[in-house]
C-alpha atoms as a PDB file:
ATOM      1  CA  UNK A   1      16.282  24.214 -19.383  1.00  0.00           C
ATOM      2  CA  UNK A   2      16.280  21.180 -17.173  1.00  0.00           C
ATOM      3  CA  UNK A   3      13.094  19.325 -16.260  1.00  0.00           C
ATOM      4  CA  UNK A   4      13.015  16.485 -13.852  1.00  0.00           C
ATOM      5  CA  UNK A   5      10.195  14.029 -13.147  1.00  0.00           C
ATOM      6  CA  UNK A   6       9.958  12.391  -9.710  1.00  0.00           C
ATOM      7  CA  UNK A   7       7.343   9.960  -8.420  1.00  0.00           C
ATOM      8  CA  UNK A   8       5.707  10.385  -4.991  1.00  0.00           C
ATOM      9  CA  UNK A   9       8.030   9.039  -2.249  1.00  0.00           C
ATOM     10  CA  UNK A  10       6.345   5.930  -0.946  1.00  0.00           C
ATOM     11  CA  UNK A  11       8.892   5.145   1.836  1.00  0.00           C
ATOM     12  CA  UNK A  12       7.158   4.288   5.162  1.00  0.00           C
ATOM     13  CA  UNK A  13       8.424   7.560   6.693  1.00  0.00           C
ATOM     14  CA  UNK A  14       6.296   9.569   4.179  1.00  0.00           C
ATOM     15  CA  UNK A  15       2.502  10.034   4.166  1.00  0.00           C
ATOM     16  CA  UNK A  16       0.260   8.511   1.489  1.00  0.00           C
ATOM     17  CA  UNK A  17      -1.195  12.049   1.246  1.00  0.00           C
ATOM     18  CA  UNK A  18       0.207  14.904  -0.825  1.00  0.00           C
ATOM     19  CA  UNK A  19      -0.031  17.108   2.224  1.00  0.00           C
ATOM     20  CA  UNK A  20       3.688  16.715   3.225  1.00  0.00           C
ATOM     21  CA  UNK A  21       4.816  17.792  -0.292  1.00  0.00           C
ATOM     22  CA  UNK A  22       2.464  20.671  -0.332  1.00  0.00           C
ATOM     23  CA  UNK A  23       3.621  21.762   3.107  1.00  0.00           C
ATOM     24  CA  UNK A  24       7.235  21.631   1.849  1.00  0.00           C
ATOM     25  CA  UNK A  25       6.270  23.873  -1.141  1.00  0.00           C
ATOM     26  CA  UNK A  26       4.862  26.396   1.301  1.00  0.00           C
ATOM     27  CA  UNK A  27       8.091  26.997   3.013  1.00  0.00           C
ATOM     28  CA  UNK A  28       9.042  30.310   1.221  1.00  0.00           C
ATOM     29  CA  UNK A  29       5.717  31.784   2.348  1.00  0.00           C
ATOM     30  CA  UNK A  30       6.678  31.338   6.056  1.00  0.00           C
ATOM     31  CA  UNK A  31       6.606  34.662   7.851  1.00  0.00           C
ATOM     32  CA  UNK A  32       5.462  36.575   4.779  1.00  0.00           C
ATOM     33  CA  UNK A  33       2.371  38.870   4.602  1.00  0.00           C
ATOM     34  CA  UNK A  34      -0.509  37.422   2.631  1.00  0.00           C
ATOM     35  CA  UNK A  35      -0.098  39.755  -0.286  1.00  0.00           C
ATOM     36  CA  UNK A  36       3.599  38.876  -0.632  1.00  0.00           C
ATOM     37  CA  UNK A  37       3.011  35.118  -0.634  1.00  0.00           C
ATOM     38  CA  UNK A  38       3.434  32.995  -3.700  1.00  0.00           C
ATOM     39  CA  UNK A  39       0.288  30.911  -4.704  1.00  0.00           C
ATOM     40  CA  UNK A  40      -0.301  27.664  -6.354  1.00  0.00           C
ATOM     41  CA  UNK A  41      -1.779  27.907  -9.830  1.00  0.00           C
ATOM     42  CA  UNK A  42      -3.244  25.565 -12.455  1.00  0.00           C
ATOM     43  CA  UNK A  43      -4.118  25.939 -16.098  1.00  0.00           C
ATOM     44  CA  UNK A  44      -6.921  28.365 -15.544  1.00  0.00           C
ATOM     45  CA  UNK A  45      -6.432  29.845 -12.023  1.00  0.00           C
ATOM     46  CA  UNK A  46      -3.677  31.999 -10.542  1.00  0.00           C
ATOM     47  CA  UNK A  47      -4.613  31.523  -6.895  1.00  0.00           C
ATOM     48  CA  UNK A  48      -5.250  28.076  -5.557  1.00  0.00           C
ATOM     49  CA  UNK A  49      -5.127  27.376  -1.825  1.00  0.00           C
ATOM     50  CA  UNK A  50      -2.841  24.582  -0.410  1.00  0.00           C
ATOM     51  CA  UNK A  51      -5.856  23.053   1.160  1.00  0.00           C
ATOM     52  CA  UNK A  52      -7.528  22.757  -2.223  1.00  0.00           C
ATOM     53  CA  UNK A  53      -4.472  21.276  -3.848  1.00  0.00           C
ATOM     54  CA  UNK A  54      -4.279  18.512  -1.271  1.00  0.00           C
ATOM     55  CA  UNK A  55      -8.030  17.817  -1.497  1.00  0.00           C
ATOM     56  CA  UNK A  56      -7.921  17.559  -5.348  1.00  0.00           C
ATOM     57  CA  UNK A  57      -4.747  15.389  -5.521  1.00  0.00           C
ATOM     58  CA  UNK A  58      -5.732  13.096  -2.654  1.00  0.00           C
ATOM     59  CA  UNK A  59      -9.313  12.716  -3.904  1.00  0.00           C
ATOM     60  CA  UNK A  60      -8.100  11.624  -7.372  1.00  0.00           C
ATOM     61  CA  UNK A  61      -6.596   8.289  -6.655  1.00  0.00           C
ATOM     62  CA  UNK A  62      -9.315   5.726  -7.538  1.00  0.00           C
ATOM     63  CA  UNK A  63      -8.051   2.069  -7.791  1.00  0.00           C
ATOM     64  CA  UNK A  64      -4.394   2.929  -7.183  1.00  0.00           C
ATOM     65  CA  UNK A  65      -2.545   0.553  -4.698  1.00  0.00           C
ATOM     66  CA  UNK A  66      -0.634   1.854  -1.705  1.00  0.00           C
ATOM     67  CA  UNK A  67       2.531   0.780  -3.510  1.00  0.00           C
ATOM     68  CA  UNK A  68       1.753   3.013  -6.599  1.00  0.00           C
ATOM     69  CA  UNK A  69       2.519   6.772  -6.792  1.00  0.00           C
ATOM     70  CA  UNK A  70      -0.604   8.916  -6.558  1.00  0.00           C
ATOM     71  CA  UNK A  71       1.164  11.922  -7.950  1.00  0.00           C
ATOM     72  CA  UNK A  72       4.341  13.048  -9.672  1.00  0.00           C
ATOM     73  CA  UNK A  73       6.516  16.141  -9.156  1.00  0.00           C
ATOM     74  CA  UNK A  74       7.786  17.912 -12.252  1.00  0.00           C
ATOM     75  CA  UNK A  75      10.560  20.436 -11.498  1.00  0.00           C
ATOM     76  CA  UNK A  76      11.191  23.060 -14.136  1.00  0.00           C
ATOM     77  CA  UNK A  77      14.718  24.547 -13.777  1.00  0.00           C
ATOM     78  CA  UNK A  78      15.490  27.475 -16.021  1.00  0.00           C
ATOM     79  CA  UNK A  79      19.224  28.392 -16.223  1.00  0.00           C
ATOM     80  CA  UNK A  80      20.346  31.672 -14.912  1.00  0.00           C
ATOM     81  CA  UNK A  81      20.890  32.680 -18.464  1.00  0.00           C
ATOM     82  CA  UNK A  82      17.203  31.793 -19.338  1.00  0.00           C
ATOM     83  CA  UNK A  83      15.934  33.577 -16.274  1.00  0.00           C
ATOM     84  CA  UNK A  84      17.937  36.824 -17.164  1.00  0.00           C
ATOM     85  CA  UNK A  85      16.457  36.577 -20.652  1.00  0.00           C
ATOM     86  CA  UNK A  86      12.953  36.820 -19.300  1.00  0.00           C
ATOM     87  CA  UNK A  87      13.915  39.245 -16.444  1.00  0.00           C
ATOM     88  CA  UNK A  88      12.999  36.609 -13.929  1.00  0.00           C
ATOM     89  CA  UNK A  89       9.376  37.401 -14.609  1.00  0.00           C
ATOM     90  CA  UNK A  90       6.973  35.065 -12.797  1.00  0.00           C
ATOM     91  CA  UNK A  91       4.097  35.811 -15.093  1.00  0.00           C
ATOM     92  CA  UNK A  92       6.228  34.617 -18.088  1.00  0.00           C
ATOM     93  CA  UNK A  93       7.043  31.488 -16.095  1.00  0.00           C
ATOM     94  CA  UNK A  94       3.395  30.834 -15.478  1.00  0.00           C
ATOM     95  CA  UNK A  95       2.666  31.366 -19.107  1.00  0.00           C
ATOM     96  CA  UNK A  96       5.431  28.824 -19.949  1.00  0.00           C
ATOM     97  CA  UNK A  97       4.285  26.203 -17.502  1.00  0.00           C
ATOM     98  CA  UNK A  98       0.752  26.399 -18.915  1.00  0.00           C
ATOM     99  CA  UNK A  99       2.201  25.918 -22.452  1.00  0.00           C
ATOM    100  CA  UNK A 100       4.446  22.979 -21.554  1.00  0.00           C
ATOM    101  CA  UNK A 101       1.612  21.221 -19.745  1.00  0.00           C
ATOM    102  CA  UNK A 102      -0.048  21.010 -23.160  1.00  0.00           C
ATOM    103  CA  UNK A 103       3.108  19.261 -24.423  1.00  0.00           C
ATOM    104  CA  UNK A 104       3.147  17.078 -21.351  1.00  0.00           C
ATOM    105  CA  UNK A 105      -0.419  15.882 -22.095  1.00  0.00           C
ATOM    106  CA  UNK A 106       0.409  15.309 -25.775  1.00  0.00           C
ATOM    107  CA  UNK A 107       3.302  13.095 -24.798  1.00  0.00           C
ATOM    108  CA  UNK A 108       1.035  10.328 -23.494  1.00  0.00           C
ATOM    109  CA  UNK A 109       0.491   7.477 -25.968  1.00  0.00           C
ATOM    110  CA  UNK A 110      -3.267   6.527 -25.609  1.00  0.00           C
ATOM    111  CA  UNK A 111      -6.135   5.282 -27.837  1.00  0.00           C
ATOM    112  CA  UNK A 112      -7.394   8.928 -27.926  1.00  0.00           C
ATOM    113  CA  UNK A 113      -5.426  12.143 -27.847  1.00  0.00           C
ATOM    114  CA  UNK A 114      -4.723  13.439 -24.280  1.00  0.00           C
ATOM    115  CA  UNK A 115      -5.111  17.230 -23.840  1.00  0.00           C
ATOM    116  CA  UNK A 116      -4.127  19.489 -20.918  1.00  0.00           C
ATOM    117  CA  UNK A 117      -7.864  19.448 -20.013  1.00  0.00           C
ATOM    118  CA  UNK A 118      -7.465  15.852 -19.038  1.00  0.00           C
ATOM    119  CA  UNK A 119      -4.604  16.597 -16.642  1.00  0.00           C
ATOM    120  CA  UNK A 120      -5.058  17.612 -13.013  1.00  0.00           C
ATOM    121  CA  UNK A 121      -2.093  19.665 -11.876  1.00  0.00           C
ATOM    122  CA  UNK A 122      -0.958  22.471  -9.568  1.00  0.00           C
ATOM    123  CA  UNK A 123       2.237  24.419  -9.897  1.00  0.00           C
ATOM    124  CA  UNK A 124       4.173  26.753  -7.611  1.00  0.00           C
ATOM    125  CA  UNK A 125       7.062  29.142  -8.284  1.00  0.00           C
ATOM    126  CA  UNK A 126       9.982  29.268  -5.740  1.00  0.00           C
ATOM    127  CA  UNK A 127      12.743  31.763  -5.891  1.00  0.00           C
ATOM    128  CA  UNK A 128      15.339  30.322  -3.632  1.00  0.00           C
ATOM    129  CA  UNK A 129      17.623  27.225  -3.496  1.00  0.00           C
ATOM    130  CA  UNK A 130      19.963  26.086  -0.711  1.00  0.00           C
ATOM    131  CA  UNK A 131      23.230  24.301  -0.943  1.00  0.00           C
ATOM    132  CA  UNK A 132      22.889  20.503  -0.506  1.00  0.00           C
ATOM    133  CA  UNK A 133      25.467  18.006   0.725  1.00  0.00           C
ATOM    134  CA  UNK A 134      26.221  16.802  -2.867  1.00  0.00           C
ATOM    135  CA  UNK A 135      27.031  20.322  -4.114  1.00  0.00           C
ATOM    136  CA  UNK A 136      30.652  20.769  -5.083  1.00  0.00           C
ATOM    137  CA  UNK A 137      31.132  23.769  -2.883  1.00  0.00           C
ATOM    138  CA  UNK A 138      29.945  21.925   0.214  1.00  0.00           C
ATOM    139  CA  UNK A 139      31.994  18.794  -0.549  1.00  0.00           C
ATOM    140  CA  UNK A 140      35.114  20.710  -1.154  1.00  0.00           C
ATOM    141  CA  UNK A 141      34.647  22.877   1.949  1.00  0.00           C
ATOM    142  CA  UNK A 142      33.908  19.922   4.272  1.00  0.00           C
ATOM    143  CA  UNK A 143      37.462  18.928   5.248  1.00  0.00           C
ATOM    144  CA  UNK A 144      38.293  22.522   6.219  1.00  0.00           C
ATOM    145  CA  UNK A 145      34.984  23.119   8.087  1.00  0.00           C
ATOM    146  CA  UNK A 146      35.975  20.400  10.479  1.00  0.00           C
ATOM    147  CA  UNK A 147      39.467  21.864  11.118  1.00  0.00           C
ATOM    148  CA  UNK A 148      37.854  25.393  11.587  1.00  0.00           C
ATOM    149  CA  UNK A 149      35.353  24.103  14.120  1.00  0.00           C
ATOM    150  CA  UNK A 150      38.035  22.281  16.065  1.00  0.00           C
ATOM    151  CA  UNK A 151      40.302  25.326  16.162  1.00  0.00           C
ATOM    152  CA  UNK A 152      37.435  27.689  17.200  1.00  0.00           C
ATOM    153  CA  UNK A 153      36.619  25.292  20.003  1.00  0.00           C
ATOM    154  CA  UNK A 154      40.221  25.259  21.149  1.00  0.00           C
ATOM    155  CA  UNK A 155      40.279  29.096  21.194  1.00  0.00           C
ATOM    156  CA  UNK A 156      37.157  29.078  23.512  1.00  0.00           C
ATOM    157  CA  UNK A 157      38.846  26.600  25.828  1.00  0.00           C
ATOM    158  CA  UNK A 158      42.132  28.642  25.896  1.00  0.00           C
ATOM    159  CA  UNK A 159      40.142  31.806  26.706  1.00  0.00           C
ATOM    160  CA  UNK A 160      38.379  30.035  29.613  1.00  0.00           C
ATOM    161  CA  UNK A 161      41.701  28.795  30.835  1.00  0.00           C
ATOM    162  CA  UNK A 162      41.020  25.167  30.210  1.00  0.00           C
ATOM    163  CA  UNK A 163      44.105  24.602  28.127  1.00  0.00           C
ATOM    164  CA  UNK A 164      47.688  25.957  28.304  1.00  0.00           C
ATOM    165  CA  UNK A 165      47.808  26.698  24.544  1.00  0.00           C
ATOM    166  CA  UNK A 166      48.440  30.243  23.396  1.00  0.00           C
ATOM    167  CA  UNK A 167      45.228  31.830  22.171  1.00  0.00           C
ATOM    168  CA  UNK A 168      47.098  34.012  19.538  1.00  0.00           C
ATOM    169  CA  UNK A 169      48.888  30.972  18.233  1.00  0.00           C
ATOM    170  CA  UNK A 170      45.564  29.129  17.820  1.00  0.00           C
ATOM    171  CA  UNK A 171      44.090  32.147  16.120  1.00  0.00           C
ATOM    172  CA  UNK A 172      46.949  32.285  13.676  1.00  0.00           C
ATOM    173  CA  UNK A 173      46.552  28.628  12.847  1.00  0.00           C
ATOM    174  CA  UNK A 174      42.854  29.253  12.272  1.00  0.00           C
ATOM    175  CA  UNK A 175      43.598  32.180   9.918  1.00  0.00           C
ATOM    176  CA  UNK A 176      45.924  29.879   7.855  1.00  0.00           C
ATOM    177  CA  UNK A 177      43.312  27.135   7.637  1.00  0.00           C
ATOM    178  CA  UNK A 178      40.642  29.658   6.500  1.00  0.00           C
ATOM    179  CA  UNK A 179      42.940  30.842   3.654  1.00  0.00           C
ATOM    180  CA  UNK A 180      42.717  27.379   2.263  1.00  0.00           C
ATOM    181  CA  UNK A 181      38.902  27.152   2.245  1.00  0.00           C
ATOM    182  CA  UNK A 182      37.889  27.216  -1.377  1.00  0.00           C
ATOM    183  CA  UNK A 183      34.330  28.604  -1.201  1.00  0.00           C
ATOM    184  CA  UNK A 184      32.954  31.605   0.624  1.00  0.00           C
ATOM    185  CA  UNK A 185      29.715  33.586   0.339  1.00  0.00           C
ATOM    186  CA  UNK A 186      29.292  37.006   1.927  1.00  0.00           C
ATOM    187  CA  UNK A 187      32.218  36.403   4.260  1.00  0.00           C
ATOM    188  CA  UNK A 188      30.960  32.929   5.434  1.00  0.00           C
ATOM    189  CA  UNK A 189      32.185  29.491   4.590  1.00  0.00           C
ATOM    190  CA  UNK A 190      29.715  27.920   2.210  1.00  0.00           C
ATOM    191  CA  UNK A 191      27.819  24.966   3.935  1.00  0.00           C
ATOM    192  CA  UNK A 192      24.806  22.967   3.557  1.00  0.00           C
ATOM    193  CA  UNK A 193      21.582  24.841   4.089  1.00  0.00           C
ATOM    194  CA  UNK A 194      23.000  28.277   2.957  1.00  0.00           C
ATOM    195  CA  UNK A 195      20.945  30.040   0.185  1.00  0.00           C
ATOM    196  CA  UNK A 196      22.670  30.019  -3.223  1.00  0.00           C
ATOM    197  CA  UNK A 197      23.473  33.303  -4.853  1.00  0.00           C
ATOM    198  CA  UNK A 198      22.074  34.581  -8.117  1.00  0.00           C
ATOM    199  CA  UNK A 199      18.800  33.853  -9.825  1.00  0.00           C
ATOM    200  CA  UNK A 200      17.466  30.476  -8.501  1.00  0.00           C
ATOM    201  CA  UNK A 201      13.857  30.672  -9.628  1.00  0.00           C
ATOM    202  CA  UNK A 202      12.221  27.346 -10.521  1.00  0.00           C
ATOM    203  CA  UNK A 203       8.753  25.754 -10.619  1.00  0.00           C
ATOM    204  CA  UNK A 204       7.363  22.678  -8.939  1.00  0.00           C
ATOM    205  CA  UNK A 205       4.464  20.996 -10.664  1.00  0.00           C
ATOM    206  CA  UNK A 206       2.306  18.572  -8.603  1.00  0.00           C
ATOM    207  CA  UNK A 207       0.454  16.339 -11.139  1.00  0.00           C
ATOM    208  CA  UNK A 208      -2.044  13.672 -10.364  1.00  0.00           C
ATOM    209  CA  UNK A 209      -1.424  10.060 -11.502  1.00  0.00           C
ATOM    210  CA  UNK A 210      -5.097   9.851 -12.646  1.00  0.00           C
ATOM    211  CA  UNK A 211      -6.843  12.042 -15.218  1.00  0.00           C
ATOM    212  CA  UNK A 212      -9.458  14.534 -14.141  1.00  0.00           C
ATOM    213  CA  UNK A 213     -12.224  11.987 -14.400  1.00  0.00           C
ATOM    214  CA  UNK A 214     -10.367   9.825 -11.918  1.00  0.00           C
ATOM    215  CA  UNK A 215     -10.800   6.851 -14.331  1.00  0.00           C
ATOM    216  CA  UNK A 216      -7.555   6.628 -16.424  1.00  0.00           C
ATOM    217  CA  UNK A 217      -3.949   6.381 -15.279  1.00  0.00           C
ATOM    218  CA  UNK A 218      -1.525   8.878 -16.810  1.00  0.00           C
ATOM    219  CA  UNK A 219       1.926   8.088 -15.501  1.00  0.00           C
ATOM    220  CA  UNK A 220       4.904  10.041 -16.734  1.00  0.00           C
ATOM    221  CA  UNK A 221       7.047   7.367 -14.940  1.00  0.00           C
ATOM    222  CA  UNK A 222       6.028   4.687 -17.409  1.00  0.00           C
ATOM    223  CA  UNK A 223       8.927   2.545 -18.539  1.00  0.00           C
ATOM    224  CA  UNK A 224       7.331   2.484 -22.026  1.00  0.00           C
ATOM    225  CA  UNK A 225       7.925   5.364 -24.358  1.00  0.00           C
ATOM    226  CA  UNK A 226       5.252   4.239 -26.958  1.00  0.00           C
ATOM    227  CA  UNK A 227       3.898   0.821 -27.243  1.00  0.00           C
ATOM    228  CA  UNK A 228       0.791  -1.333 -27.571  1.00  0.00           C
ATOM    229  CA  UNK A 229      -0.313  -4.336 -25.634  1.00  0.00           C
ATOM    230  CA  UNK A 230      -3.443  -6.643 -25.566  1.00  0.00           C
ATOM    231  CA  UNK A 231      -5.770  -6.322 -22.522  1.00  0.00           C
ATOM    232  CA  UNK A 232      -8.827  -8.696 -22.608  1.00  0.00           C
ATOM    233  CA  UNK A 233      -8.202  -9.273 -26.326  1.00  0.00           C
ATOM    234  CA  UNK A 234      -8.215  -5.568 -27.110  1.00  0.00           C
ATOM    235  CA  UNK A 235      -5.091  -3.613 -28.355  1.00  0.00           C
ATOM    236  CA  UNK A 236      -4.306  -0.867 -25.812  1.00  0.00           C
ATOM    237  CA  UNK A 237      -1.829   2.000 -26.399  1.00  0.00           C
ATOM    238  CA  UNK A 238       0.383   2.985 -23.513  1.00  0.00           C
ATOM    239  CA  UNK A 239       3.552   4.885 -22.589  1.00  0.00           C
ATOM    240  CA  UNK A 240       4.909   8.396 -22.044  1.00  0.00           C
ATOM    241  CA  UNK A 241       7.410   9.872 -24.459  1.00  0.00           C
ATOM    242  CA  UNK A 242       9.812  11.736 -22.168  1.00  0.00           C
ATOM    243  CA  UNK A 243      12.280  12.668 -24.951  1.00  0.00           C
ATOM    244  CA  UNK A 244       9.398  14.309 -26.900  1.00  0.00           C
ATOM    245  CA  UNK A 245       8.218  16.211 -23.820  1.00  0.00           C
ATOM    246  CA  UNK A 246      11.653  17.416 -22.848  1.00  0.00           C
ATOM    247  CA  UNK A 247      12.468  18.466 -26.393  1.00  0.00           C
ATOM    248  CA  UNK A 248       9.126  20.184 -26.980  1.00  0.00           C
ATOM    249  CA  UNK A 249       9.343  22.115 -23.628  1.00  0.00           C
ATOM    250  CA  UNK A 250      12.826  23.415 -24.599  1.00  0.00           C
ATOM    251  CA  UNK A 251      11.617  24.580 -27.985  1.00  0.00           C
ATOM    252  CA  UNK A 252       8.544  26.153 -26.408  1.00  0.00           C
ATOM    253  CA  UNK A 253      10.691  28.392 -24.320  1.00  0.00           C
ATOM    254  CA  UNK A 254      12.711  29.427 -27.297  1.00  0.00           C
ATOM    255  CA  UNK A 255       9.653  30.213 -29.336  1.00  0.00           C
ATOM    256  CA  UNK A 256       7.654  32.008 -26.692  1.00  0.00           C
ATOM    257  CA  UNK A 257      10.553  34.221 -25.628  1.00  0.00           C
ATOM    258  CA  UNK A 258      12.702  34.410 -28.741  1.00  0.00           C
ATOM    259  CA  UNK A 259      15.578  32.792 -26.968  1.00  0.00           C
ATOM    260  CA  UNK A 260      18.739  31.795 -28.971  1.00  0.00           C
ATOM    261  CA  UNK A 261      19.817  28.563 -27.389  1.00  0.00           C
ATOM    262  CA  UNK A 262      23.461  27.554 -27.566  1.00  0.00           C
ATOM    263  CA  UNK A 263      24.385  23.979 -28.409  1.00  0.00           C
ATOM    264  CA  UNK A 264      25.562  23.088 -24.804  1.00  0.00           C
ATOM    265  CA  UNK A 265      22.173  24.246 -23.398  1.00  0.00           C
ATOM    266  CA  UNK A 266      20.162  21.844 -25.511  1.00  0.00           C
ATOM    267  CA  UNK A 267      18.475  18.603 -24.402  1.00  0.00           C
ATOM    268  CA  UNK A 268      20.028  16.896 -27.412  1.00  0.00           C
ATOM    269  CA  UNK A 269      23.472  17.927 -26.291  1.00  0.00           C
ATOM    270  CA  UNK A 270      22.808  16.452 -22.833  1.00  0.00           C
ATOM    271  CA  UNK A 271      21.783  13.163 -24.278  1.00  0.00           C
ATOM    272  CA  UNK A 272      24.809  13.151 -26.635  1.00  0.00           C
ATOM    273  CA  UNK A 273      27.147  13.819 -23.704  1.00  0.00           C
ATOM    274  CA  UNK A 274      25.749  10.945 -21.604  1.00  0.00           C
ATOM    275  CA  UNK A 275      25.908   8.505 -24.592  1.00  0.00           C
ATOM    276  CA  UNK A 276      29.125   9.620 -26.199  1.00  0.00           C
ATOM    277  CA  UNK A 277      31.272  12.287 -24.630  1.00  0.00           C
ATOM    278  CA  UNK A 278      33.722  12.140 -27.524  1.00  0.00           C
ATOM    279  CA  UNK A 279      31.042  12.993 -30.036  1.00  0.00           C
ATOM    280  CA  UNK A 280      29.753  15.833 -27.765  1.00  0.00           C
ATOM    281  CA  UNK A 281      33.280  17.326 -27.567  1.00  0.00           C
ATOM    282  CA  UNK A 282      33.840  16.998 -31.288  1.00  0.00           C
ATOM    283  CA  UNK A 283      30.594  18.720 -31.987  1.00  0.00           C
ATOM    284  CA  UNK A 284      31.504  21.502 -29.535  1.00  0.00           C
ATOM    285  CA  UNK A 285      34.708  22.054 -31.301  1.00  0.00           C
ATOM    286  CA  UNK A 286      33.113  22.260 -34.737  1.00  0.00           C
ATOM    287  CA  UNK A 287      30.766  25.114 -33.722  1.00  0.00           C
ATOM    288  CA  UNK A 288      31.341  28.447 -35.438  1.00  0.00           C
ATOM    289  CA  UNK A 289      33.901  30.578 -33.617  1.00  0.00           C
ATOM    290  CA  UNK A 290      31.345  32.881 -31.970  1.00  0.00           C
ATOM    291  CA  UNK A 291      28.980  30.009 -30.909  1.00  0.00           C
ATOM    292  CA  UNK A 292      31.985  27.974 -29.604  1.00  0.00           C
ATOM    293  CA  UNK A 293      33.172  30.876 -27.549  1.00  0.00           C
ATOM    294  CA  UNK A 294      29.686  31.456 -26.102  1.00  0.00           C
ATOM    295  CA  UNK A 295      29.465  27.718 -25.320  1.00  0.00           C
ATOM    296  CA  UNK A 296      32.833  27.740 -23.425  1.00  0.00           C
ATOM    297  CA  UNK A 297      31.653  30.853 -21.552  1.00  0.00           C
ATOM    298  CA  UNK A 298      28.330  28.957 -20.539  1.00  0.00           C
ATOM    299  CA  UNK A 299      30.208  25.893 -19.499  1.00  0.00           C
ATOM    300  CA  UNK A 300      32.770  28.070 -17.519  1.00  0.00           C
ATOM    301  CA  UNK A 301      29.961  29.789 -15.522  1.00  0.00           C
ATOM    302  CA  UNK A 302      28.536  26.323 -14.759  1.00  0.00           C
ATOM    303  CA  UNK A 303      31.860  25.227 -13.213  1.00  0.00           C
ATOM    304  CA  UNK A 304      33.399  23.405 -16.251  1.00  0.00           C
ATOM    305  CA  UNK A 305      37.016  24.151 -16.458  1.00  0.00           C
ATOM    306  CA  UNK A 306      37.958  23.767 -20.210  1.00  0.00           C
ATOM    307  CA  UNK A 307      41.333  22.102 -20.446  1.00  0.00           C
ATOM    308  CA  UNK A 308      44.007  24.783 -21.235  1.00  0.00           C
ATOM    309  CA  UNK A 309      45.820  22.938 -24.027  1.00  0.00           C
ATOM    310  CA  UNK A 310      46.003  23.093 -27.711  1.00  0.00           C
ATOM    311  CA  UNK A 311      42.522  21.734 -28.379  1.00  0.00           C
ATOM    312  CA  UNK A 312      42.471  19.556 -31.548  1.00  0.00           C
ATOM    313  CA  UNK A 313      40.208  20.526 -34.453  1.00  0.00           C
ATOM    314  CA  UNK A 314      38.718  17.252 -35.722  1.00  0.00           C
ATOM    315  CA  UNK A 315      37.607  13.982 -34.228  1.00  0.00           C
ATOM    316  CA  UNK A 316      40.608  12.090 -35.517  1.00  0.00           C
ATOM    317  CA  UNK A 317      42.869  14.369 -33.580  1.00  0.00           C
ATOM    318  CA  UNK A 318      40.970  14.326 -30.420  1.00  0.00           C
ATOM    319  CA  UNK A 319      43.461  13.873 -27.557  1.00  0.00           C
ATOM    320  CA  UNK A 320      42.490  11.207 -24.980  1.00  0.00           C
ATOM    321  CA  UNK A 321      44.017  13.242 -22.113  1.00  0.00           C
ATOM    322  CA  UNK A 322      42.070  16.359 -23.126  1.00  0.00           C
ATOM    323  CA  UNK A 323      38.823  14.456 -23.388  1.00  0.00           C
ATOM    324  CA  UNK A 324      39.295  12.858 -19.941  1.00  0.00           C
ATOM    325  CA  UNK A 325      39.988  16.186 -18.346  1.00  0.00           C
ATOM    326  CA  UNK A 326      36.924  17.774 -19.966  1.00  0.00           C
ATOM    327  CA  UNK A 327      34.741  14.801 -18.977  1.00  0.00           C
ATOM    328  CA  UNK A 328      35.870  14.958 -15.398  1.00  0.00           C
ATOM    329  CA  UNK A 329      35.156  18.781 -15.294  1.00  0.00           C
ATOM    330  CA  UNK A 330      31.701  18.145 -16.951  1.00  0.00           C
ATOM    331  CA  UNK A 331      30.747  15.438 -14.494  1.00  0.00           C
ATOM    332  CA  UNK A 332      31.563  17.606 -11.550  1.00  0.00           C
ATOM    333  CA  UNK A 333      29.647  20.556 -12.875  1.00  0.00           C
ATOM    334  CA  UNK A 334      26.642  18.376 -13.763  1.00  0.00           C
ATOM    335  CA  UNK A 335      26.473  16.907 -10.314  1.00  0.00           C
ATOM    336  CA  UNK A 336      26.258  20.250  -8.683  1.00  0.00           C
ATOM    337  CA  UNK A 337      24.563  22.470 -11.172  1.00  0.00           C
ATOM    338  CA  UNK A 338      20.857  23.160 -11.429  1.00  0.00           C
ATOM    339  CA  UNK A 339      21.012  24.180 -15.150  1.00  0.00           C
ATOM    340  CA  UNK A 340      21.444  20.585 -16.360  1.00  0.00           C
ATOM    341  CA  UNK A 341      24.238  21.126 -18.770  1.00  0.00           C
END
């Protein structure tokens, strides 16, 4: 489970309103009959109109400056393994979102406990993802796509008699180039904008910066995890504990749906990897045989190629070359994977 938190984009090319973002989240409903469309939902309602979402979010910004985010976007990204476990059931995802928003509220450090009743949010399930320019498949295909396009253009020119080159010779060269293209999908070269295969269901949560009373600021982007400061001589609690929220959200999924999470799927493992890849790798190797085998399988599906060498069995024996190979493979997979390994 990978959850990201992003503030409203305040670049001059973006509107101060939430309308642009709401319109973006309506893209999968384009061309669909009303009864087949996916609706926004909140803690208590399954069908909320886009117009109501914009009205509620834009009308809940008292005393916020133009330079301050009016809302945040939380994106809940279950792995394909997690989605298979719940049969890609949208009702279970709604249930999960409503539960983790309780954890989201509890992660704020304030003078009084914050509950989900204090939070103004709207969520929407999406079922598709498209390849982006930073995805490994797109990046690795890019040099070949240019050659393919050039040769296809040369074929058209030759067929129109605009060049003396032999059409069959160009076609043969094109076939040879296509054999080198590493990533294909349904007979087409993978490129930016193409839909990704497999289960890609995820949830966008649009959450107001202000509480439901429009009086208090509740920012998940706070640089403070948990602290106290003096304001007009009074001690004020502030901060948002992201570690607590992400950890609680992961455990909530496991509890709700009886999911047995492998070490490499955990938030704790991701933190360990970023801080100390050596310790991450050592922990991975010390897992029981069946768990280690499952971990390698999960990593393999995410695009991590485990170095095919005699892997050492304890931290003292860890081979520097093996670690570097593993780290390089992990970094590539993490940059293009939606599961957040």
